[in-house]
C-alpha cells in the first residue's frame, strides 16, 4: 500500500499543472480576442476619433508640443541647369518666381508683341535647337587700317606780310584751323582667348547665334524677347566661361574655313574643378559625319583652360567640382 501511494502523488501533480496551463492559454486567448474585437469595433463606430477630440486628449497633445523637436533639415536649393545669355536691356532687379534658366542677371519673360497670352514668351526666331532670345551676328575680322596722310601746311604768299603777334593777356577769339583734324580711329581689339579677357570685356561682347523659334505670349511687353532667368553667384563666371569657349570654337572653325559641309551636334562633357582645371573630358555624342569636328570642340575647351579659380561664394555653393555639358551645333 505504501508503494502504491507514492506512485499516485506525482501523477496528480502533473494533472494539476496541465490543468493550470490550459486555463492560462484559454485566458490569454480570451484577452486577445477581447482587445482585438474592441479595437475593430472602435474603428468601425468612431470611438477612437471621439476620444481624440476630448479636452483631456488635447491637453496631452499640448504637452507633447512643448517638448523640444529636432530642427528640420533645410530644403536643398534648386539650381537651374541651363545657362541663358541675358541682354542688359532685359535685366530686372528682382528674380522671377519659377525660373528654369540661370545667368549673370535676372530677367523676366517678355516679348515685343503677342497675339495670345500663355506662360512662355513668344520669340520670332528661326532655329529650334539652342535657347536664345535674339539674333547676335558673328563678328567680322577687322579690316586693315590705313592712317590718313597729314595735310601739308599752306604756303604763305611772298607779298603777304605776316601780322604782328598779339600781346599776352588780350582777349581775342581764335580763328578756326583751315586744315581739319585727323580722325582718330581705335584699332580693333582681338578676340578674347582666355576667360580673364572675356571677364574684362563683359558685357561689350555677345556670343553669336540666332534666336530660337517659340510660339506663345506673355503680358509683359519689351522691345526684345526675354525668358524667366535667375541670377546666381556663379552666373558671371559661367557667362565668361561660355564666351571664352564659344569664341575659341569660332576661331578654330575660321581657321579650317568651315562652310557647313557637315551638320549635326557634338555633346561634350567634363568636370570643372574649383582651381579652374578641366578633367575627365569625353564626347558623349557626335552626330556629325566627321570626327575632326568633335576634336575641334575638345580644343575649344582645352585651349583656354585652365580657367580662373572659383569665387568663394561659388565654391561654397557647388563644392570642389561640378559636371558641365556643352552642346555644339553644326548648322
C-alpha atoms as a PDB file:
ATOM      1  CA  UNK A   1       0.000   0.000   0.000  1.00  0.00           C
ATOM      2  CA  UNK A   2       2.854   2.325   0.798  1.00  0.00           C
ATOM      3  CA  UNK A   3       4.366   1.781  -2.624  1.00  0.00           C
ATOM      4  CA  UNK A   4       1.044   2.432  -4.406  1.00  0.00           C
ATOM      5  CA  UNK A   5       0.533   5.771  -2.599  1.00  0.00           C
ATOM      6  CA  UNK A   6       3.984   7.000  -3.653  1.00  0.00           C
ATOM      7  CA  UNK A   7       3.190   6.357  -7.314  1.00  0.00           C
ATOM      8  CA  UNK A   8      -0.119   8.226  -7.316  1.00  0.00           C
ATOM      9  CA  UNK A   9       1.291  11.501  -5.880  1.00  0.00           C
ATOM     10  CA  UNK A  10       3.441  12.622  -8.936  1.00  0.00           C
ATOM     11  CA  UNK A  11       0.626  11.780 -11.349  1.00  0.00           C
ATOM     12  CA  UNK A  12      -1.762  14.100  -9.577  1.00  0.00           C
ATOM     13  CA  UNK A  13       0.775  16.970  -9.652  1.00  0.00           C
ATOM     14  CA  UNK A  14       1.148  16.568 -13.418  1.00  0.00           C
ATOM     15  CA  UNK A  15      -2.589  16.691 -13.889  1.00  0.00           C
ATOM     16  CA  UNK A  16      -2.839  19.878 -11.819  1.00  0.00           C
ATOM     17  CA  UNK A  17      -0.010  21.586 -13.739  1.00  0.00           C
ATOM     18  CA  UNK A  18      -1.503  20.690 -17.126  1.00  0.00           C
ATOM     19  CA  UNK A  19      -4.862  21.996 -15.993  1.00  0.00           C
ATOM     20  CA  UNK A  20      -3.311  25.339 -14.947  1.00  0.00           C
ATOM     21  CA  UNK A  21      -1.506  25.658 -18.284  1.00  0.00           C
ATOM     22  CA  UNK A  22      -4.743  25.041 -20.188  1.00  0.00           C
ATOM     23  CA  UNK A  23      -6.588  27.689 -18.177  1.00  0.00           C
ATOM     24  CA  UNK A  24      -3.739  30.183 -18.765  1.00  0.00           C
ATOM     25  CA  UNK A  25      -3.838  29.633 -22.510  1.00  0.00           C
ATOM     26  CA  UNK A  26      -7.608  29.981 -22.539  1.00  0.00           C
ATOM     27  CA  UNK A  27      -7.456  33.187 -20.510  1.00  0.00           C
ATOM     28  CA  UNK A  28      -4.773  34.676 -22.806  1.00  0.00           C
ATOM     29  CA  UNK A  29      -6.846  33.797 -25.870  1.00  0.00           C
ATOM     30  CA  UNK A  30      -9.915  35.472 -24.405  1.00  0.00           C
ATOM     31  CA  UNK A  31      -7.922  38.646 -23.604  1.00  0.00           C
ATOM     32  CA  UNK A  32      -6.528  38.862 -27.168  1.00  0.00           C
ATOM     33  CA  UNK A  33      -9.943  38.314 -28.693  1.00  0.00           C
ATOM     34  CA  UNK A  34     -11.410  40.998 -26.444  1.00  0.00           C
ATOM     35  CA  UNK A  35      -8.683  43.570 -27.266  1.00  0.00           C
ATOM     36  CA  UNK A  36      -8.827  42.898 -31.000  1.00  0.00           C
ATOM     37  CA  UNK A  37     -12.607  42.982 -31.040  1.00  0.00           C
ATOM     38  CA  UNK A  38     -12.693  46.258 -29.070  1.00  0.00           C
ATOM     39  CA  UNK A  39     -10.200  47.879 -31.492  1.00  0.00           C
ATOM     40  CA  UNK A  40     -12.162  46.816 -34.551  1.00  0.00           C
ATOM     41  CA  UNK A  41     -15.449  47.955 -33.013  1.00  0.00           C
ATOM     42  CA  UNK A  42     -13.942  51.331 -32.032  1.00  0.00           C
ATOM     43  CA  UNK A  43     -12.621  51.863 -35.553  1.00  0.00           C
ATOM     44  CA  UNK A  44     -15.934  50.924 -37.083  1.00  0.00           C
ATOM     45  CA  UNK A  45     -18.142  53.060 -34.823  1.00  0.00           C
ATOM     46  CA  UNK A  46     -15.690  56.009 -34.456  1.00  0.00           C
ATOM     47  CA  UNK A  47     -14.976  55.609 -30.741  1.00  0.00           C
ATOM     48  CA  UNK A  48     -11.276  56.477 -31.091  1.00  0.00           C
ATOM     49  CA  UNK A  49     -11.990  59.594 -33.136  1.00  0.00           C
ATOM     50  CA  UNK A  50     -14.485  60.686 -30.489  1.00  0.00           C
ATOM     51  CA  UNK A  51     -11.924  60.182 -27.707  1.00  0.00           C
ATOM     52  CA  UNK A  52      -9.225  62.100 -29.594  1.00  0.00           C
ATOM     53  CA  UNK A  53     -11.458  65.187 -29.626  1.00  0.00           C
ATOM     54  CA  UNK A  54     -11.994  65.193 -25.841  1.00  0.00           C
ATOM     55  CA  UNK A  55     -10.363  68.008 -23.798  1.00  0.00           C
ATOM     56  CA  UNK A  56      -8.134  65.673 -21.770  1.00  0.00           C
ATOM     57  CA  UNK A  57      -6.650  64.270 -25.018  1.00  0.00           C
ATOM     58  CA  UNK A  58      -5.934  67.807 -26.247  1.00  0.00           C
ATOM     59  CA  UNK A  59      -4.086  68.551 -23.038  1.00  0.00           C
ATOM     60  CA  UNK A  60      -1.859  65.556 -23.633  1.00  0.00           C
ATOM     61  CA  UNK A  61      -1.153  66.713 -27.177  1.00  0.00           C
ATOM     62  CA  UNK A  62      -0.291  70.201 -25.912  1.00  0.00           C
ATOM     63  CA  UNK A  63       2.238  68.704 -23.517  1.00  0.00           C
ATOM     64  CA  UNK A  64       3.931  66.885 -26.357  1.00  0.00           C
ATOM     65  CA  UNK A  65       4.072  70.126 -28.346  1.00  0.00           C
ATOM     66  CA  UNK A  66       6.087  71.721 -25.519  1.00  0.00           C
ATOM     67  CA  UNK A  67       8.826  69.143 -25.880  1.00  0.00           C
ATOM     68  CA  UNK A  68      11.797  70.259 -27.993  1.00  0.00           C
ATOM     69  CA  UNK A  69      11.766  68.893 -31.520  1.00  0.00           C
ATOM     70  CA  UNK A  70      14.793  68.332 -33.687  1.00  0.00           C
ATOM     71  CA  UNK A  71      15.200  71.062 -36.310  1.00  0.00           C
ATOM     72  CA  UNK A  72      14.057  70.203 -39.804  1.00  0.00           C
ATOM     73  CA  UNK A  73      16.865  69.917 -42.306  1.00  0.00           C
ATOM     74  CA  UNK A  74      16.878  72.816 -44.799  1.00  0.00           C
ATOM     75  CA  UNK A  75      15.473  72.064 -48.198  1.00  0.00           C
ATOM     76  CA  UNK A  76      18.151  71.772 -50.862  1.00  0.00           C
ATOM     77  CA  UNK A  77      18.233  74.813 -53.099  1.00  0.00           C
ATOM     78  CA  UNK A  78      17.126  74.020 -56.611  1.00  0.00           C
ATOM     79  CA  UNK A  79      19.634  75.342 -59.123  1.00  0.00           C
ATOM     80  CA  UNK A  80      18.598  75.895 -62.740  1.00  0.00           C
ATOM     81  CA  UNK A  81      20.814  73.830 -65.018  1.00  0.00           C
ATOM     82  CA  UNK A  82      20.588  75.700 -68.357  1.00  0.00           C
ATOM     83  CA  UNK A  83      22.563  78.894 -68.884  1.00  0.00           C
ATOM     84  CA  UNK A  84      20.965  81.659 -70.953  1.00  0.00           C
ATOM     85  CA  UNK A  85      22.619  84.887 -72.025  1.00  0.00           C
ATOM     86  CA  UNK A  86      20.633  87.936 -70.872  1.00  0.00           C
ATOM     87  CA  UNK A  87      20.688  91.246 -72.695  1.00  0.00           C
ATOM     88  CA  UNK A  88      21.321  94.131 -70.254  1.00  0.00           C
ATOM     89  CA  UNK A  89      18.200  95.835 -71.631  1.00  0.00           C
ATOM     90  CA  UNK A  90      16.040  92.963 -70.324  1.00  0.00           C
ATOM     91  CA  UNK A  91      17.692  92.781 -66.877  1.00  0.00           C
ATOM     92  CA  UNK A  92      15.434  93.226 -63.836  1.00  0.00           C
ATOM     93  CA  UNK A  93      16.361  93.858 -60.177  1.00  0.00           C
ATOM     94  CA  UNK A  94      14.031  91.154 -58.843  1.00  0.00           C
ATOM     95  CA  UNK A  95      14.279  87.497 -59.930  1.00  0.00           C
ATOM     96  CA  UNK A  96      11.219  85.649 -61.284  1.00  0.00           C
ATOM     97  CA  UNK A  97       9.384  83.150 -59.102  1.00  0.00           C
ATOM     98  CA  UNK A  98       9.902  79.930 -61.060  1.00  0.00           C
ATOM     99  CA  UNK A  99      12.954  80.306 -63.282  1.00  0.00           C
ATOM    100  CA  UNK A 100      14.082  77.373 -65.413  1.00  0.00           C
ATOM    101  CA  UNK A 101      17.245  79.150 -66.583  1.00  0.00           C
ATOM    102  CA  UNK A 102      20.123  80.991 -64.914  1.00  0.00           C
ATOM    103  CA  UNK A 103      22.524  83.734 -65.945  1.00  0.00           C
ATOM    104  CA  UNK A 104      24.580  86.606 -64.551  1.00  0.00           C
ATOM    105  CA  UNK A 105      21.483  88.847 -64.474  1.00  0.00           C
ATOM    106  CA  UNK A 106      17.837  88.481 -63.501  1.00  0.00           C
ATOM    107  CA  UNK A 107      15.244  88.690 -66.260  1.00  0.00           C
ATOM    108  CA  UNK A 108      11.508  88.210 -66.563  1.00  0.00           C
ATOM    109  CA  UNK A 109       9.603  86.780 -69.505  1.00  0.00           C
ATOM    110  CA  UNK A 110       8.692  89.428 -72.057  1.00  0.00           C
ATOM    111  CA  UNK A 111       8.055  89.830 -75.784  1.00  0.00           C
ATOM    112  CA  UNK A 112       7.599  92.736 -78.190  1.00  0.00           C
ATOM    113  CA  UNK A 113       4.141  91.605 -79.245  1.00  0.00           C
ATOM    114  CA  UNK A 114       1.921  88.587 -78.705  1.00  0.00           C
ATOM    115  CA  UNK A 115      -1.394  87.518 -80.178  1.00  0.00           C
ATOM    116  CA  UNK A 116      -2.326  85.420 -77.148  1.00  0.00           C
ATOM    117  CA  UNK A 117      -1.266  85.060 -73.519  1.00  0.00           C
ATOM    118  CA  UNK A 118       0.475  81.901 -72.302  1.00  0.00           C
ATOM    119  CA  UNK A 119       3.093  81.056 -69.697  1.00  0.00           C
ATOM    120  CA  UNK A 120       6.016  81.358 -72.134  1.00  0.00           C
ATOM    121  CA  UNK A 121       7.069  84.352 -74.243  1.00  0.00           C
ATOM    122  CA  UNK A 122       6.819  84.470 -77.992  1.00  0.00           C
ATOM    123  CA  UNK A 123      10.187  84.503 -79.762  1.00  0.00           C
ATOM    124  CA  UNK A 124      10.240  85.032 -83.504  1.00  0.00           C
ATOM    125  CA  UNK A 125      13.400  83.131 -84.391  1.00  0.00           C
ATOM    126  CA  UNK A 126      14.382  80.546 -86.981  1.00  0.00           C
ATOM    127  CA  UNK A 127      16.085  77.677 -85.132  1.00  0.00           C
ATOM    128  CA  UNK A 128      14.741  75.217 -82.551  1.00  0.00           C
ATOM    129  CA  UNK A 129      17.973  73.777 -81.144  1.00  0.00           C
ATOM    130  CA  UNK A 130      19.609  76.373 -78.922  1.00  0.00           C
ATOM    131  CA  UNK A 131      17.871  78.531 -76.301  1.00  0.00           C
ATOM    132  CA  UNK A 132      18.443  82.096 -77.484  1.00  0.00           C
ATOM    133  CA  UNK A 133      16.152  85.121 -77.352  1.00  0.00           C
ATOM    134  CA  UNK A 134      17.741  87.346 -80.010  1.00  0.00           C
ATOM    135  CA  UNK A 135      19.994  87.333 -83.036  1.00  0.00           C
ATOM    136  CA  UNK A 136      23.643  88.218 -82.449  1.00  0.00           C
ATOM    137  CA  UNK A 137      25.668  88.467 -85.671  1.00  0.00           C
ATOM    138  CA  UNK A 138      29.110  87.000 -85.854  1.00  0.00           C
ATOM    139  CA  UNK A 139      31.931  89.492 -85.656  1.00  0.00           C
ATOM    140  CA  UNK A 140      33.712  90.130 -88.921  1.00  0.00           C
ATOM    141  CA  UNK A 141      37.519  90.172 -88.957  1.00  0.00           C
ATOM    142  CA  UNK A 142      38.773  93.763 -88.659  1.00  0.00           C
ATOM    143  CA  UNK A 143      39.787  95.463 -91.885  1.00  0.00           C
ATOM    144  CA  UNK A 144      43.339  96.751 -92.252  1.00  0.00           C
ATOM    145  CA  UNK A 145      43.520 100.329 -91.025  1.00  0.00           C
ATOM    146  CA  UNK A 146      45.413 102.792 -93.212  1.00  0.00           C
ATOM    147  CA  UNK A 147      46.238 106.018 -91.350  1.00  0.00           C
ATOM    148  CA  UNK A 148      45.413 109.274 -93.078  1.00  0.00           C
ATOM    149  CA  UNK A 149      48.321 111.260 -94.549  1.00  0.00           C
ATOM    150  CA  UNK A 150      48.795 114.580 -92.729  1.00  0.00           C
ATOM    151  CA  UNK A 151      47.956 117.575 -94.879  1.00  0.00           C
ATOM    152  CA  UNK A 152      50.804 119.827 -95.919  1.00  0.00           C
ATOM    153  CA  UNK A 153      50.883 123.273 -94.294  1.00  0.00           C
ATOM    154  CA  UNK A 154      49.671 126.063 -96.522  1.00  0.00           C
ATOM    155  CA  UNK A 155      52.446 128.196 -98.034  1.00  0.00           C
ATOM    156  CA  UNK A 156      52.441 131.884 -97.192  1.00  0.00           C
ATOM    157  CA  UNK A 157      52.372 134.211-100.184  1.00  0.00           C
ATOM    158  CA  UNK A 158      55.535 136.244-100.735  1.00  0.00           C
ATOM    159  CA  UNK A 159      53.755 139.568-100.953  1.00  0.00           C
ATOM    160  CA  UNK A 160      51.714 138.924 -97.790  1.00  0.00           C
ATOM    161  CA  UNK A 161      53.209 140.494 -94.698  1.00  0.00           C
ATOM    162  CA  UNK A 162      52.728 138.498 -91.507  1.00  0.00           C
ATOM    163  CA  UNK A 163      50.651 140.087 -88.768  1.00  0.00           C
ATOM    164  CA  UNK A 164      52.339 141.077 -85.541  1.00  0.00           C
ATOM    165  CA  UNK A 165      51.820 138.646 -82.658  1.00  0.00           C
ATOM    166  CA  UNK A 166      49.105 139.506 -80.200  1.00  0.00           C
ATOM    167  CA  UNK A 167      50.062 140.730 -76.775  1.00  0.00           C
ATOM    168  CA  UNK A 168      49.642 138.199 -73.991  1.00  0.00           C
ATOM    169  CA  UNK A 169      46.609 138.821 -71.850  1.00  0.00           C
ATOM    170  CA  UNK A 170      44.418 140.215 -74.615  1.00  0.00           C
ATOM    171  CA  UNK A 171      41.050 138.543 -75.055  1.00  0.00           C
ATOM    172  CA  UNK A 172      40.721 137.536 -78.681  1.00  0.00           C
ATOM    173  CA  UNK A 173      38.720 134.833 -80.443  1.00  0.00           C
ATOM    174  CA  UNK A 174      40.871 132.187 -82.010  1.00  0.00           C
ATOM    175  CA  UNK A 175      40.409 131.577 -85.712  1.00  0.00           C
ATOM    176  CA  UNK A 176      39.409 128.101 -86.830  1.00  0.00           C
ATOM    177  CA  UNK A 177      42.078 125.998 -88.416  1.00  0.00           C
ATOM    178  CA  UNK A 178      41.932 125.695 -92.158  1.00  0.00           C
ATOM    179  CA  UNK A 179      43.040 122.031 -92.001  1.00  0.00           C
ATOM    180  CA  UNK A 180      40.522 119.659 -90.300  1.00  0.00           C
ATOM    181  CA  UNK A 181      41.980 117.481 -87.560  1.00  0.00           C
ATOM    182  CA  UNK A 182      42.819 113.944 -88.500  1.00  0.00           C
ATOM    183  CA  UNK A 183      40.202 111.393 -87.439  1.00  0.00           C
ATOM    184  CA  UNK A 184      41.255 109.077 -84.660  1.00  0.00           C
ATOM    185  CA  UNK A 185      40.174 105.506 -85.231  1.00  0.00           C
ATOM    186  CA  UNK A 186      40.569 102.964 -82.445  1.00  0.00           C
ATOM    187  CA  UNK A 187      42.278  99.773 -83.560  1.00  0.00           C
ATOM    188  CA  UNK A 188      40.064  96.705 -83.445  1.00  0.00           C
ATOM    189  CA  UNK A 189      40.552  94.608 -80.325  1.00  0.00           C
ATOM    190  CA  UNK A 190      41.465  90.952 -80.808  1.00  0.00           C
ATOM    191  CA  UNK A 191      39.057  88.242 -79.765  1.00  0.00           C
ATOM    192  CA  UNK A 192      39.409  87.052 -76.166  1.00  0.00           C
ATOM    193  CA  UNK A 193      41.475  83.890 -75.892  1.00  0.00           C
ATOM    194  CA  UNK A 194      41.198  83.395 -72.154  1.00  0.00           C
ATOM    195  CA  UNK A 195      38.499  83.668 -69.532  1.00  0.00           C
ATOM    196  CA  UNK A 196      40.232  86.667 -67.947  1.00  0.00           C
ATOM    197  CA  UNK A 197      39.929  88.635 -71.182  1.00  0.00           C
ATOM    198  CA  UNK A 198      36.278  87.655 -71.530  1.00  0.00           C
ATOM    199  CA  UNK A 199      35.544  88.791 -67.966  1.00  0.00           C
ATOM    200  CA  UNK A 200      37.269  92.124 -68.569  1.00  0.00           C
ATOM    201  CA  UNK A 201      35.323  92.794 -71.772  1.00  0.00           C
ATOM    202  CA  UNK A 202      31.859  91.891 -70.489  1.00  0.00           C
ATOM    203  CA  UNK A 203      29.179  92.991 -71.373  1.00  0.00           C
ATOM    204  CA  UNK A 204      30.527  94.525 -74.601  1.00  0.00           C
ATOM    205  CA  UNK A 205      30.823  91.191 -76.388  1.00  0.00           C
ATOM    206  CA  UNK A 206      27.895  88.950 -77.157  1.00  0.00           C
ATOM    207  CA  UNK A 207      28.013  85.315 -78.194  1.00  0.00           C
ATOM    208  CA  UNK A 208      26.998  84.973 -81.865  1.00  0.00           C
ATOM    209  CA  UNK A 209      23.881  82.979 -82.626  1.00  0.00           C
ATOM    210  CA  UNK A 210      20.340  83.020 -83.962  1.00  0.00           C
ATOM    211  CA  UNK A 211      17.177  83.454 -81.944  1.00  0.00           C
ATOM    212  CA  UNK A 212      15.034  80.411 -81.376  1.00  0.00           C
ATOM    213  CA  UNK A 213      11.508  79.940 -82.651  1.00  0.00           C
ATOM    214  CA  UNK A 214       8.940  79.670 -79.875  1.00  0.00           C
ATOM    215  CA  UNK A 215       5.201  80.193 -80.005  1.00  0.00           C
ATOM    216  CA  UNK A 216       3.494  81.776 -77.032  1.00  0.00           C
ATOM    217  CA  UNK A 217       2.872  85.161 -75.499  1.00  0.00           C
ATOM    218  CA  UNK A 218       3.066  86.923 -72.115  1.00  0.00           C
ATOM    219  CA  UNK A 219       1.572  90.140 -70.748  1.00  0.00           C
ATOM    220  CA  UNK A 220       4.898  91.855 -70.155  1.00  0.00           C
ATOM    221  CA  UNK A 221       5.967  93.914 -73.166  1.00  0.00           C
ATOM    222  CA  UNK A 222       9.568  94.733 -74.022  1.00  0.00           C
ATOM    223  CA  UNK A 223      11.389  95.736 -77.177  1.00  0.00           C
ATOM    224  CA  UNK A 224      13.297  92.451 -77.095  1.00  0.00           C
ATOM    225  CA  UNK A 225      12.220  88.967 -76.041  1.00  0.00           C
ATOM    226  CA  UNK A 226      13.397  87.532 -72.737  1.00  0.00           C
ATOM    227  CA  UNK A 227      12.899  84.423 -70.591  1.00  0.00           C
ATOM    228  CA  UNK A 228      12.431  83.894 -66.860  1.00  0.00           C
ATOM    229  CA  UNK A 229      16.067  83.830 -65.766  1.00  0.00           C
ATOM    230  CA  UNK A 230      17.606  83.920 -62.302  1.00  0.00           C
ATOM    231  CA  UNK A 231      20.990  85.359 -61.418  1.00  0.00           C
ATOM    232  CA  UNK A 232      23.226  83.010 -59.423  1.00  0.00           C
ATOM    233  CA  UNK A 233      26.553  83.514 -57.595  1.00  0.00           C
ATOM    234  CA  UNK A 234      28.271  81.678 -60.450  1.00  0.00           C
ATOM    235  CA  UNK A 235      26.323  83.292 -63.307  1.00  0.00           C
ATOM    236  CA  UNK A 236      29.035  85.820 -64.177  1.00  0.00           C
ATOM    237  CA  UNK A 237      31.688  83.094 -64.109  1.00  0.00           C
ATOM    238  CA  UNK A 238      29.677  80.844 -66.426  1.00  0.00           C
ATOM    239  CA  UNK A 239      28.908  83.750 -68.765  1.00  0.00           C
ATOM    240  CA  UNK A 240      32.624  84.379 -69.244  1.00  0.00           C
ATOM    241  CA  UNK A 241      33.280  80.633 -69.489  1.00  0.00           C
ATOM    242  CA  UNK A 242      30.703  80.191 -72.256  1.00  0.00           C
ATOM    243  CA  UNK A 243      32.043  83.204 -74.116  1.00  0.00           C
ATOM    244  CA  UNK A 244      35.674  82.088 -73.960  1.00  0.00           C
ATOM    245  CA  UNK A 245      34.848  78.578 -75.200  1.00  0.00           C
ATOM    246  CA  UNK A 246      32.476  79.851 -77.904  1.00  0.00           C
ATOM    247  CA  UNK A 247      34.979  82.417 -79.220  1.00  0.00           C
ATOM    248  CA  UNK A 248      37.711  79.820 -79.375  1.00  0.00           C
ATOM    249  CA  UNK A 249      35.387  77.424 -81.202  1.00  0.00           C
ATOM    250  CA  UNK A 250      34.504  80.050 -83.820  1.00  0.00           C
ATOM    251  CA  UNK A 251      38.190  80.880 -84.256  1.00  0.00           C
ATOM    252  CA  UNK A 252      39.024  77.218 -84.882  1.00  0.00           C
ATOM    253  CA  UNK A 253      36.225  76.989 -87.449  1.00  0.00           C
ATOM    254  CA  UNK A 254      37.536  80.097 -89.225  1.00  0.00           C
ATOM    255  CA  UNK A 255      40.990  78.534 -89.427  1.00  0.00           C
ATOM    256  CA  UNK A 256      39.513  75.485 -91.163  1.00  0.00           C
ATOM    257  CA  UNK A 257      37.241  77.586 -93.432  1.00  0.00           C
ATOM    258  CA  UNK A 258      34.215  75.678 -92.207  1.00  0.00           C
ATOM    259  CA  UNK A 259      31.367  76.067 -94.721  1.00  0.00           C
ATOM    260  CA  UNK A 260      28.590  73.972 -93.135  1.00  0.00           C
ATOM    261  CA  UNK A 261      29.684  70.900 -95.076  1.00  0.00           C
ATOM    262  CA  UNK A 262      28.734  68.656 -92.148  1.00  0.00           C
ATOM    263  CA  UNK A 263      25.672  69.079 -89.965  1.00  0.00           C
ATOM    264  CA  UNK A 264      24.807  67.695 -86.550  1.00  0.00           C
ATOM    265  CA  UNK A 265      25.814  68.287 -82.946  1.00  0.00           C
ATOM    266  CA  UNK A 266      28.607  67.350 -80.566  1.00  0.00           C
ATOM    267  CA  UNK A 267      27.839  66.858 -76.860  1.00  0.00           C
ATOM    268  CA  UNK A 268      30.943  67.397 -74.745  1.00  0.00           C
ATOM    269  CA  UNK A 269      31.046  66.519 -71.034  1.00  0.00           C
ATOM    270  CA  UNK A 270      33.768  67.324 -68.498  1.00  0.00           C
ATOM    271  CA  UNK A 271      34.327  68.210 -64.847  1.00  0.00           C
ATOM    272  CA  UNK A 272      35.413  71.701 -63.868  1.00  0.00           C
ATOM    273  CA  UNK A 273      37.320  71.976 -60.572  1.00  0.00           C
ATOM    274  CA  UNK A 274      37.486  74.909 -58.187  1.00  0.00           C
ATOM    275  CA  UNK A 275      41.041  75.780 -59.287  1.00  0.00           C
ATOM    276  CA  UNK A 276      39.888  76.155 -62.910  1.00  0.00           C
ATOM    277  CA  UNK A 277      41.287  72.855 -64.169  1.00  0.00           C
ATOM    278  CA  UNK A 278      39.342  70.649 -66.575  1.00  0.00           C
ATOM    279  CA  UNK A 279      39.380  66.861 -66.188  1.00  0.00           C
ATOM    280  CA  UNK A 280      37.538  63.743 -67.341  1.00  0.00           C
ATOM    281  CA  UNK A 281      36.511  65.178 -70.699  1.00  0.00           C
ATOM    282  CA  UNK A 282      34.588  62.931 -73.074  1.00  0.00           C
ATOM    283  CA  UNK A 283      32.449  63.221 -76.188  1.00  0.00           C
ATOM    284  CA  UNK A 284      29.053  61.848 -75.196  1.00  0.00           C
ATOM    285  CA  UNK A 285      27.533  62.276 -78.662  1.00  0.00           C
ATOM    286  CA  UNK A 286      28.733  63.194 -82.141  1.00  0.00           C
ATOM    287  CA  UNK A 287      26.007  63.155 -84.787  1.00  0.00           C
ATOM    288  CA  UNK A 288      28.213  64.786 -87.424  1.00  0.00           C
ATOM    289  CA  UNK A 289      29.966  62.809 -90.148  1.00  0.00           C
ATOM    290  CA  UNK A 290      33.437  63.968 -89.117  1.00  0.00           C
ATOM    291  CA  UNK A 291      35.486  63.095 -86.056  1.00  0.00           C
ATOM    292  CA  UNK A 292      37.564  66.211 -86.617  1.00  0.00           C
ATOM    293  CA  UNK A 293      34.610  68.412 -85.684  1.00  0.00           C
ATOM    294  CA  UNK A 294      34.443  66.613 -82.352  1.00  0.00           C
ATOM    295  CA  UNK A 295      38.146  67.233 -81.778  1.00  0.00           C
ATOM    296  CA  UNK A 296      37.611  70.935 -82.503  1.00  0.00           C
ATOM    297  CA  UNK A 297      35.092  71.036 -79.670  1.00  0.00           C
ATOM    298  CA  UNK A 298      37.624  69.479 -77.323  1.00  0.00           C
ATOM    299  CA  UNK A 299      40.251  72.034 -78.339  1.00  0.00           C
ATOM    300  CA  UNK A 300      37.743  74.853 -77.793  1.00  0.00           C
ATOM    301  CA  UNK A 301      37.706  73.880 -74.101  1.00  0.00           C
ATOM    302  CA  UNK A 302      41.307  72.734 -73.691  1.00  0.00           C
ATOM    303  CA  UNK A 303      42.972  75.772 -75.314  1.00  0.00           C
ATOM    304  CA  UNK A 304      41.646  78.458 -72.903  1.00  0.00           C
ATOM    305  CA  UNK A 305      41.981  76.128 -69.887  1.00  0.00           C
ATOM    306  CA  UNK A 306      42.899  76.263 -67.066  1.00  0.00           C
ATOM    307  CA  UNK A 307      40.301  78.844 -66.162  1.00  0.00           C
ATOM    308  CA  UNK A 308      40.447  81.182 -63.144  1.00  0.00           C
ATOM    309  CA  UNK A 309      39.701  79.838 -59.679  1.00  0.00           C
ATOM    310  CA  UNK A 310      36.122  79.972 -58.494  1.00  0.00           C
ATOM    311  CA  UNK A 311      34.886  82.825 -56.315  1.00  0.00           C
ATOM    312  CA  UNK A 312      34.333  81.937 -52.661  1.00  0.00           C
ATOM    313  CA  UNK A 313      30.513  82.106 -52.931  1.00  0.00           C
ATOM    314  CA  UNK A 314      30.569  79.804 -55.913  1.00  0.00           C
ATOM    315  CA  UNK A 315      32.733  77.224 -54.150  1.00  0.00           C
ATOM    316  CA  UNK A 316      30.572  77.275 -51.010  1.00  0.00           C
ATOM    317  CA  UNK A 317      27.507  76.630 -53.145  1.00  0.00           C
ATOM    318  CA  UNK A 318      28.862  73.993 -55.551  1.00  0.00           C
ATOM    319  CA  UNK A 319      31.666  72.289 -53.662  1.00  0.00           C
ATOM    320  CA  UNK A 320      35.041  71.432 -55.177  1.00  0.00           C
ATOM    321  CA  UNK A 321      33.941  70.415 -58.676  1.00  0.00           C
ATOM    322  CA  UNK A 322      30.935  70.352 -60.960  1.00  0.00           C
ATOM    323  CA  UNK A 323      29.803  68.484 -64.044  1.00  0.00           C
ATOM    324  CA  UNK A 324      29.390  70.587 -67.210  1.00  0.00           C
ATOM    325  CA  UNK A 325      27.874  69.673 -70.550  1.00  0.00           C
ATOM    326  CA  UNK A 326      28.442  71.744 -73.685  1.00  0.00           C
ATOM    327  CA  UNK A 327      26.448  71.197 -76.864  1.00  0.00           C
ATOM    328  CA  UNK A 328      27.999  72.417 -80.124  1.00  0.00           C
ATOM    329  CA  UNK A 329      25.665  72.663 -83.119  1.00  0.00           C
ATOM    330  CA  UNK A 330      26.944  72.492 -86.691  1.00  0.00           C
ATOM    331  CA  UNK A 331      24.316  74.005 -88.990  1.00  0.00           C
END
